[in-house]
Every structure is written in structure tokens, then in C-alpha cells.
Amino acid sequence: MGMKSIVGRLKAPATNDLRKRVAALEAEVQECRQLNLRLAELTDIVTDLLVPLSRGDEAALRETLVKYQESL
């Protein structure tokens, strides 16, 4: 049994573990991206509602609410 075959057998489990860890981290990053996108969407909705409300523009507020309800 040569030295290369021993090193190869020792490296294989470590490489497998690293690949699994990278895959798990990539999944977590994707989840964070989706959460950040949803947070941005909610921030936009709140802004769209608060600006007309702060101006006292009820027509624009109603229009925004209708658009939001239609998008659901």
C-alpha cells in the first residue's frame, strides 16, 4: 500500500464533509436572499402606504390599497 493511496483515503471523507458544508451554506445564503427580498417588498408596501397617508391623500392611499389587494 503506497503513501498516495493512504493520503487519498484520508482526504476523501474531509472533501465530502466540505462539499456537504458548502452545500448547506449555499442553501442558507439562498434563504437569506429570499428573506431580504421579502423584507424589501414589505418595506416598499409600507412606504407606498405611508407617503399618501402622511400627505392626507386618501385617493392615492385607496389606489395603493386596491393595487396591493389585486396583487395578492
C-alpha atoms as a PDB file:
ATOM      1  CA  MET A   1       0.000   0.000   0.000  1.00  0.00           C
ATOM      2  CA  GLY A   2       1.544   3.247  -1.134  1.00  0.00           C
ATOM      3  CA  MET A   3       1.596   6.568   0.622  1.00  0.00           C
ATOM      4  CA  LYS A   4      -0.612   8.149  -2.063  1.00  0.00           C
ATOM      5  CA  SER A   5      -3.414   5.649  -1.526  1.00  0.00           C
ATOM      6  CA  ILE A   6      -3.361   6.240   2.235  1.00  0.00           C
ATOM      7  CA  VAL A   7      -3.473  10.025   1.772  1.00  0.00           C
ATOM      8  CA  GLY A   8      -6.251   9.629  -0.811  1.00  0.00           C
ATOM      9  CA  ARG A   9      -8.381   7.617   1.597  1.00  0.00           C
ATOM     10  CA  LEU A  10      -7.834  10.154   4.373  1.00  0.00           C
ATOM     11  CA  LYS A  11      -8.671  13.130   2.158  1.00  0.00           C
ATOM     12  CA  ALA A  12     -11.889  11.672   0.717  1.00  0.00           C
ATOM     13  CA  PRO A  13     -14.010  11.972   3.898  1.00  0.00           C
ATOM     14  CA  ALA A  14     -12.728  15.500   4.540  1.00  0.00           C
ATOM     15  CA  THR A  15     -13.548  16.522   0.973  1.00  0.00           C
ATOM     16  CA  ASN A  16     -17.016  15.004   1.284  1.00  0.00           C
ATOM     17  CA  ASP A  17     -17.615  16.853   4.560  1.00  0.00           C
ATOM     18  CA  LEU A  18     -16.501  20.127   2.993  1.00  0.00           C
ATOM     19  CA  ARG A  19     -18.788  19.637  -0.002  1.00  0.00           C
ATOM     20  CA  LYS A  20     -21.736  18.949   2.292  1.00  0.00           C
ATOM     21  CA  ARG A  21     -20.909  22.025   4.369  1.00  0.00           C
ATOM     22  CA  VAL A  22     -20.613  24.222   1.263  1.00  0.00           C
ATOM     23  CA  ALA A  23     -23.966  22.928   0.003  1.00  0.00           C
ATOM     24  CA  ALA A  24     -25.567  23.709   3.374  1.00  0.00           C
ATOM     25  CA  LEU A  25     -24.051  27.204   3.394  1.00  0.00           C
ATOM     26  CA  GLU A  26     -25.260  27.854  -0.150  1.00  0.00           C
ATOM     27  CA  ALA A  27     -28.785  26.853   0.883  1.00  0.00           C
ATOM     28  CA  GLU A  28     -28.602  29.214   3.862  1.00  0.00           C
ATOM     29  CA  VAL A  29     -27.388  32.060   1.641  1.00  0.00           C
ATOM     30  CA  GLN A  30     -30.289  31.454  -0.745  1.00  0.00           C
ATOM     31  CA  GLU A  31     -32.733  31.523   2.164  1.00  0.00           C
ATOM     32  CA  CYS A  32     -31.234  34.823   3.358  1.00  0.00           C
ATOM     33  CA  ARG A  33     -31.572  36.283  -0.140  1.00  0.00           C
ATOM     34  CA  GLN A  34     -35.240  35.296  -0.253  1.00  0.00           C
ATOM     35  CA  LEU A  35     -35.873  36.803   3.181  1.00  0.00           C
ATOM     36  CA  ASN A  36     -34.098  40.020   2.191  1.00  0.00           C
ATOM     37  CA  LEU A  37     -36.177  40.237  -0.975  1.00  0.00           C
ATOM     38  CA  ARG A  38     -39.394  39.762   1.012  1.00  0.00           C
ATOM     39  CA  LEU A  39     -38.289  42.399   3.513  1.00  0.00           C
ATOM     40  CA  ALA A  40     -37.605  44.832   0.668  1.00  0.00           C
ATOM     41  CA  GLU A  41     -41.048  44.135  -0.801  1.00  0.00           C
ATOM     42  CA  LEU A  42     -42.725  44.754   2.560  1.00  0.00           C
ATOM     43  CA  THR A  43     -40.726  47.956   3.040  1.00  0.00           C
ATOM     44  CA  ASP A  44     -41.906  49.164  -0.368  1.00  0.00           C
ATOM     45  CA  ILE A  45     -45.522  48.403   0.532  1.00  0.00           C
ATOM     46  CA  VAL A  46     -45.279  50.238   3.847  1.00  0.00           C
ATOM     47  CA  THR A  47     -43.645  53.225   2.129  1.00  0.00           C
ATOM     48  CA  ASP A  48     -46.305  53.228  -0.586  1.00  0.00           C
ATOM     49  CA  LEU A  49     -48.968  53.349   2.118  1.00  0.00           C
ATOM     50  CA  LEU A  50     -47.346  55.849   4.483  1.00  0.00           C
ATOM     51  CA  VAL A  51     -46.431  58.549   1.961  1.00  0.00           C
ATOM     52  CA  PRO A  52     -50.015  59.193   0.789  1.00  0.00           C
ATOM     53  CA  LEU A  53     -51.221  58.842   4.369  1.00  0.00           C
ATOM     54  CA  SER A  54     -48.753  61.450   5.625  1.00  0.00           C
ATOM     55  CA  ARG A  55     -49.849  63.834   2.853  1.00  0.00           C
ATOM     56  CA  GLY A  56     -53.504  63.262   3.622  1.00  0.00           C
ATOM     57  CA  ASP A  57     -54.019  61.958   0.088  1.00  0.00           C
ATOM     58  CA  GLU A  58     -56.808  59.449   0.637  1.00  0.00           C
ATOM     59  CA  ALA A  59     -57.318  58.837  -3.092  1.00  0.00           C
ATOM     60  CA  ALA A  60     -53.709  57.759  -3.567  1.00  0.00           C
ATOM     61  CA  LEU A  61     -53.914  55.638  -0.422  1.00  0.00           C
ATOM     62  CA  ARG A  62     -57.024  53.865  -1.678  1.00  0.00           C
ATOM     63  CA  GLU A  63     -55.423  53.353  -5.080  1.00  0.00           C
ATOM     64  CA  THR A  64     -52.363  51.778  -3.442  1.00  0.00           C
ATOM     65  CA  LEU A  65     -54.545  49.519  -1.326  1.00  0.00           C
ATOM     66  CA  VAL A  66     -56.505  48.369  -4.370  1.00  0.00           C
ATOM     67  CA  LYS A  67     -53.279  47.602  -6.269  1.00  0.00           C
ATOM     68  CA  TYR A  68     -51.945  45.671  -3.287  1.00  0.00           C
ATOM     69  CA  GLN A  69     -55.135  43.651  -2.863  1.00  0.00           C
ATOM     70  CA  GLU A  70     -55.165  42.832  -6.590  1.00  0.00           C
ATOM     71  CA  SER A  71     -51.590  41.594  -6.414  1.00  0.00           C
ATOM     72  CA  LEU A  72     -52.443  39.015  -3.743  1.00  0.00           C
END
